[in-house]
Amino acid sequence: MKLHAALLLAVCLAAGTARAGMFDDEVARRDIAALRGQVGANQKAVEERLAKIETLLQDRSIELAKLIDELKQELARMRGQIEVQTNRIDTLDRRQKDLYVDLDARLRKIEASAQAQEKEKEKEKEKEKQAASTPEPAAEGKVYEAALNQFKLGNYQSSIAGFQNFLTNYPDSQQVPSGQYWIGNAYYALRDYKMAIAAQQKVLTSWPNSAKAPDAMLNIASCQAEMGEGKTARETLQQLLKKYPGTPAAEQAKQRLAGKR
């Protein structure tokens, strides 16, 4: 009996255990099935999202490729414009350089022409000056003779003016010392002894080797004598003898010093 009871108990326990095991397995299966469903749903959602992303990326890739293509076209167009502008700048630069070269050449020609004209003018002026400073001998002689004739006629003021005109217009004439001497003589004739001495002193200073220099010194002595400066007049005569011995004026100086005149 006890054995039978034990067997029956064992069978009952085994049956309970089997039922418990079967229950747990079904639950697990349901959980797995639910999990699989959830995973499948999640996988489907992920795939859908991936598909959307791929579609979006494809669309954006197309837009990006289009944008890149447009940028390439714009860059090519800008490069073309830059090349055209560069060519224009190079052309303008060459034209500007050519213009500067041409302008410089023209200016040099103008300057050279102006300098040549200026030199020609200077030559003409020099010729005119030379012509003016080298008058005709006939005209020079006429002016001199006219002034001397006025002195011979006793027109001393006119003679002075005539000889002064001669000295001004013919400064390089060989007759200049004589003209200056006759001016002094004319002042002596007018009894303007100071002016006469000044005029004759110019002969001695400017032309000391002239043939008129001894006569000028003799005239100075005459002026000094007329002014009452006898001692000074004798000193002038003595200087005349020393400086211009053997001249007609020196011979007259000897006679005056000897008291003959």
Protein backbone atom coordinates (compact mmCIF):
# COMPACT_ATOMS: atom_id res chain seq x y z
CA MET A 1 0.00 0.00 0.00
CA LYS A 2 2.68 2.35 0.92
CA LEU A 3 4.54 1.53 -2.23
CA HIS A 4 1.50 2.09 -4.33
CA ALA A 5 0.84 5.37 -2.64
CA ALA A 6 4.39 6.46 -3.24
CA LEU A 7 4.16 5.59 -6.91
CA LEU A 8 0.92 7.45 -7.24
CA LEU A 9 2.47 10.46 -5.58
CA ALA A 10 5.44 10.33 -7.90
CA VAL A 11 3.19 10.12 -10.93
CA CYS A 12 1.21 13.13 -9.73
CA LEU A 13 4.32 15.14 -9.14
CA ALA A 14 5.70 14.27 -12.58
CA ALA A 15 2.42 15.23 -14.25
CA GLY A 16 2.41 18.56 -12.42
CA THR A 17 5.93 19.24 -13.39
CA ALA A 18 5.18 18.39 -17.02
CA ARG A 19 2.20 20.69 -17.05
CA ALA A 20 4.29 23.48 -15.52
CA GLY A 21 6.96 22.95 -18.16
CA MET A 22 4.49 23.06 -20.99
CA PHE A 23 3.02 26.31 -19.68
CA ASP A 24 6.43 28.00 -19.47
CA ASP A 25 7.32 26.95 -23.00
CA GLU A 26 4.18 28.45 -24.46
CA VAL A 27 4.79 31.73 -22.69
CA ALA A 28 8.28 31.79 -24.02
CA ARG A 29 7.06 31.11 -27.50
CA ARG A 30 4.54 33.88 -27.27
CA ASP A 31 7.21 36.24 -26.01
CA ILE A 32 9.53 35.22 -28.80
CA ALA A 33 6.79 35.64 -31.36
CA ALA A 34 5.94 39.06 -29.95
CA LEU A 35 9.59 39.99 -29.90
CA ARG A 36 9.98 38.81 -33.46
CA GLY A 37 7.00 40.87 -34.47
CA GLN A 38 8.38 43.90 -32.73
CA VAL A 39 11.79 43.36 -34.33
CA GLY A 40 10.15 42.94 -37.70
CA ALA A 41 8.16 46.13 -37.21
CA ASN A 42 11.25 47.95 -36.08
CA GLN A 43 13.23 46.58 -39.00
CA LYS A 44 10.48 47.62 -41.40
CA ALA A 45 10.41 51.12 -39.87
CA VAL A 46 14.16 51.32 -40.14
CA GLU A 47 14.06 50.13 -43.73
CA GLU A 48 11.38 52.69 -44.54
CA ARG A 49 13.42 55.44 -42.92
CA LEU A 50 16.51 54.28 -44.77
CA ALA A 51 14.56 54.28 -48.00
CA LYS A 52 13.37 57.82 -47.34
CA ILE A 53 16.88 58.89 -46.47
CA GLU A 54 18.23 57.28 -49.62
CA THR A 55 15.52 58.97 -51.68
CA LEU A 56 16.27 62.30 -50.00
CA LEU A 57 19.97 61.83 -50.52
CA GLN A 58 19.41 60.93 -54.13
CA ASP A 59 17.27 64.03 -54.61
CA ARG A 60 19.83 66.14 -52.86
CA SER A 61 22.63 64.53 -54.82
CA ILE A 62 20.79 65.42 -57.99
CA GLU A 63 20.31 68.99 -56.77
CA LEU A 64 23.92 69.14 -55.60
CA ALA A 65 25.17 67.77 -58.90
CA LYS A 66 22.98 70.27 -60.70
CA LEU A 67 24.29 73.06 -58.50
CA ILE A 68 27.88 71.94 -59.07
CA ASP A 69 27.27 71.84 -62.79
CA GLU A 70 25.79 75.34 -62.71
CA LEU A 71 28.75 76.56 -60.68
CA LYS A 72 31.13 74.98 -63.17
CA GLN A 73 29.32 76.69 -66.02
CA GLU A 74 29.38 80.04 -64.16
CA LEU A 75 33.07 79.58 -63.40
CA ALA A 76 33.79 78.80 -67.04
CA ARG A 77 31.81 81.88 -68.09
CA MET A 78 33.68 84.05 -65.60
CA ARG A 79 37.00 82.65 -66.76
CA GLY A 80 36.03 83.48 -70.30
CA GLN A 81 35.13 87.03 -69.28
CA ILE A 82 38.38 87.36 -67.32
CA GLU A 83 40.33 86.16 -70.33
CA VAL A 84 38.52 88.65 -72.57
CA GLN A 85 39.14 91.46 -70.08
CA THR A 86 42.79 90.44 -69.74
CA ASN A 87 43.19 90.53 -73.51
CA ARG A 88 41.53 93.95 -73.60
CA ILE A 89 43.82 95.21 -70.83
CA ASP A 90 46.88 93.89 -72.64
CA THR A 91 45.69 95.51 -75.86
CA LEU A 92 45.02 98.82 -74.12
CA ASP A 93 48.39 98.62 -72.38
CA ARG A 94 50.16 98.07 -75.69
CA ARG A 95 48.20 100.89 -77.30
CA GLN A 96 49.02 103.19 -74.38
CA LYS A 97 52.71 102.35 -74.61
CA ASP A 98 52.65 102.89 -78.37
CA LEU A 99 50.85 106.19 -77.79
CA TYR A 100 53.45 107.29 -75.24
CA VAL A 101 56.28 106.34 -77.60
CA ASP A 102 54.65 108.19 -80.48
CA LEU A 103 53.88 111.20 -78.30
CA ASP A 104 57.43 111.28 -76.96
CA ALA A 105 58.82 111.10 -80.49
CA ARG A 106 56.55 113.95 -81.59
CA LEU A 107 57.51 116.06 -78.59
CA ARG A 108 61.19 115.46 -79.30
CA LYS A 109 60.69 116.55 -82.89
CA ILE A 110 58.80 119.66 -81.75
CA GLU A 111 61.51 120.48 -79.17
CA ALA A 112 64.25 119.92 -81.73
CA SER A 113 62.40 122.13 -84.22
CA ALA A 114 61.85 124.82 -81.58
CA GLN A 115 65.51 124.70 -80.57
CA ALA A 116 66.56 124.93 -84.20
CA GLN A 117 64.26 127.91 -84.74
CA GLU A 118 65.57 129.53 -81.56
CA LYS A 119 69.15 129.04 -82.74
CA GLU A 120 68.26 130.53 -86.11
CA LYS A 121 66.71 133.53 -84.36
CA GLU A 122 69.80 133.91 -82.20
CA LYS A 123 71.98 133.75 -85.30
CA GLU A 124 69.84 136.38 -87.02
CA LYS A 125 70.02 138.60 -83.94
CA GLU A 126 73.79 138.13 -83.79
CA LYS A 127 74.06 139.04 -87.45
CA GLU A 128 71.95 142.13 -86.84
CA LYS A 129 74.14 143.09 -83.88
CA GLN A 130 77.27 142.56 -85.92
CA ALA A 131 75.80 144.58 -88.74
CA ALA A 132 74.87 147.33 -86.30
CA SER A 133 78.29 147.27 -84.63
CA THR A 134 80.07 147.24 -87.99
CA PRO A 135 78.68 150.26 -89.80
CA GLU A 136 79.72 151.37 -93.24
CA PRO A 137 82.99 153.35 -93.21
CA ALA A 138 81.44 156.06 -95.37
CA ALA A 139 78.62 156.68 -92.88
CA GLU A 140 81.07 156.63 -89.97
CA GLY A 141 83.34 159.18 -91.67
CA LYS A 142 80.44 161.45 -92.49
CA VAL A 143 79.28 161.60 -88.85
CA TYR A 144 82.83 162.31 -87.64
CA GLU A 145 83.48 165.02 -90.25
CA ALA A 146 80.12 166.67 -89.54
CA ALA A 147 80.97 166.98 -85.81
CA LEU A 148 84.48 168.28 -86.62
CA ASN A 149 83.07 170.85 -89.04
CA GLN A 150 80.81 172.17 -86.29
CA PHE A 151 83.91 172.65 -84.11
CA LYS A 152 85.71 174.52 -86.93
CA LEU A 153 82.67 176.77 -87.35
CA GLY A 154 82.73 177.60 -83.64
CA ASN A 155 79.50 175.69 -82.93
CA TYR A 156 81.04 173.97 -79.94
CA GLN A 157 77.84 172.67 -78.33
CA SER A 158 76.76 171.16 -81.64
CA SER A 159 80.23 169.72 -82.05
CA ILE A 160 80.07 168.11 -78.59
CA ALA A 161 76.66 166.59 -79.39
CA GLY A 162 77.90 165.36 -82.76
CA PHE A 163 81.00 163.68 -81.33
CA GLN A 164 78.99 162.11 -78.50
CA ASN A 165 76.59 160.70 -81.10
CA PHE A 166 79.61 159.37 -83.00
CA LEU A 167 81.01 157.64 -79.89
CA THR A 168 77.63 156.04 -79.16
CA ASN A 169 77.00 154.71 -82.66
CA TYR A 170 80.58 153.78 -83.58
CA PRO A 171 82.22 152.56 -80.34
CA ASP A 172 84.67 150.31 -82.24
CA SER A 173 85.86 152.97 -84.64
CA GLN A 174 89.55 153.86 -84.73
CA GLN A 175 88.49 157.53 -84.55
CA VAL A 176 86.93 157.15 -81.07
CA PRO A 177 89.98 158.55 -79.16
CA SER A 178 90.04 161.57 -81.55
CA GLY A 179 86.32 162.12 -81.04
CA GLN A 180 86.78 162.11 -77.26
CA TYR A 181 89.72 164.55 -77.61
CA TRP A 182 87.65 167.00 -79.67
CA ILE A 183 84.88 166.89 -77.05
CA GLY A 184 87.47 168.04 -74.46
CA ASN A 185 88.72 170.72 -76.84
CA ALA A 186 85.16 171.97 -77.40
CA TYR A 187 84.63 172.30 -73.62
CA TYR A 188 87.93 174.18 -73.42
CA ALA A 189 86.70 176.56 -76.11
CA LEU A 190 83.52 177.04 -74.07
CA ARG A 191 85.74 177.82 -71.02
CA ASP A 192 84.22 174.84 -69.18
CA TYR A 193 87.65 173.74 -67.99
CA LYS A 194 86.48 171.10 -65.50
CA MET A 195 84.47 169.31 -68.15
CA ALA A 196 87.38 169.68 -70.58
CA ILE A 197 89.82 168.10 -68.08
CA ALA A 198 87.36 165.24 -67.40
CA ALA A 199 86.97 164.58 -71.13
CA GLN A 200 90.76 164.58 -71.74
CA GLN A 201 91.41 162.39 -68.70
CA LYS A 202 89.15 159.77 -70.32
CA VAL A 203 91.42 159.82 -73.39
CA LEU A 204 94.46 159.19 -71.20
CA THR A 205 92.74 156.46 -69.18
CA SER A 206 91.01 154.57 -72.00
CA TRP A 207 93.48 155.08 -74.85
CA PRO A 208 96.91 155.97 -73.32
CA ASN A 209 98.75 154.80 -76.47
CA SER A 210 96.61 156.81 -78.88
CA ALA A 211 98.19 159.57 -80.97
CA LYS A 212 95.75 161.96 -79.31
CA ALA A 213 96.89 161.10 -75.75
CA PRO A 214 99.82 163.65 -75.72
CA ASP A 215 97.51 166.36 -77.13
CA ALA A 216 94.93 165.53 -74.44
CA MET A 217 97.57 165.96 -71.70
CA LEU A 218 98.67 169.27 -73.24
CA ASN A 219 95.05 170.45 -73.25
CA ILE A 220 94.73 169.49 -69.57
CA ALA A 221 97.75 171.67 -68.77
CA SER A 222 96.12 174.54 -70.70
CA CYS A 223 92.90 174.13 -68.66
CA GLN A 224 94.87 174.14 -65.39
CA ALA A 225 96.71 177.30 -66.43
CA GLU A 226 93.45 179.01 -67.34
CA MET A 227 92.07 178.05 -63.91
CA GLY A 228 95.08 179.72 -62.23
CA GLU A 229 96.74 176.44 -61.26
CA GLY A 230 100.18 177.30 -62.71
CA LYS A 231 102.13 174.88 -60.55
CA THR A 232 99.80 172.00 -61.40
CA ALA A 233 99.95 172.95 -65.07
CA ARG A 234 103.80 172.82 -65.04
CA GLU A 235 103.71 169.39 -63.34
CA THR A 236 101.37 168.14 -66.07
CA LEU A 237 103.75 169.46 -68.77
CA GLN A 238 106.69 167.74 -67.10
CA GLN A 239 104.74 164.46 -67.02
CA LEU A 240 103.97 164.95 -70.71
CA LEU A 241 107.71 165.24 -71.49
CA LYS A 242 108.44 162.03 -69.59
CA LYS A 243 105.53 159.98 -70.92
CA TYR A 244 105.39 161.13 -74.52
CA PRO A 245 108.86 162.43 -75.45
CA GLY A 246 109.50 163.33 -79.10
CA THR A 247 105.88 164.16 -79.87
CA PRO A 248 104.67 167.56 -81.16
CA ALA A 249 102.78 168.00 -77.86
CA ALA A 250 106.02 167.35 -75.93
CA GLU A 251 107.80 170.01 -78.01
CA GLN A 252 105.10 172.54 -77.11
CA ALA A 253 105.42 171.50 -73.45
CA LYS A 254 109.16 172.32 -73.59
CA GLN A 255 108.44 175.75 -75.02
CA ARG A 256 105.85 176.47 -72.30
CA LEU A 257 108.17 175.33 -69.55
CA ALA A 258 110.87 177.56 -71.02
CA GLY A 259 108.49 180.50 -70.90
CA LYS A 260 108.31 180.94 -74.65
CA ARG A 261 104.52 180.46 -74.64
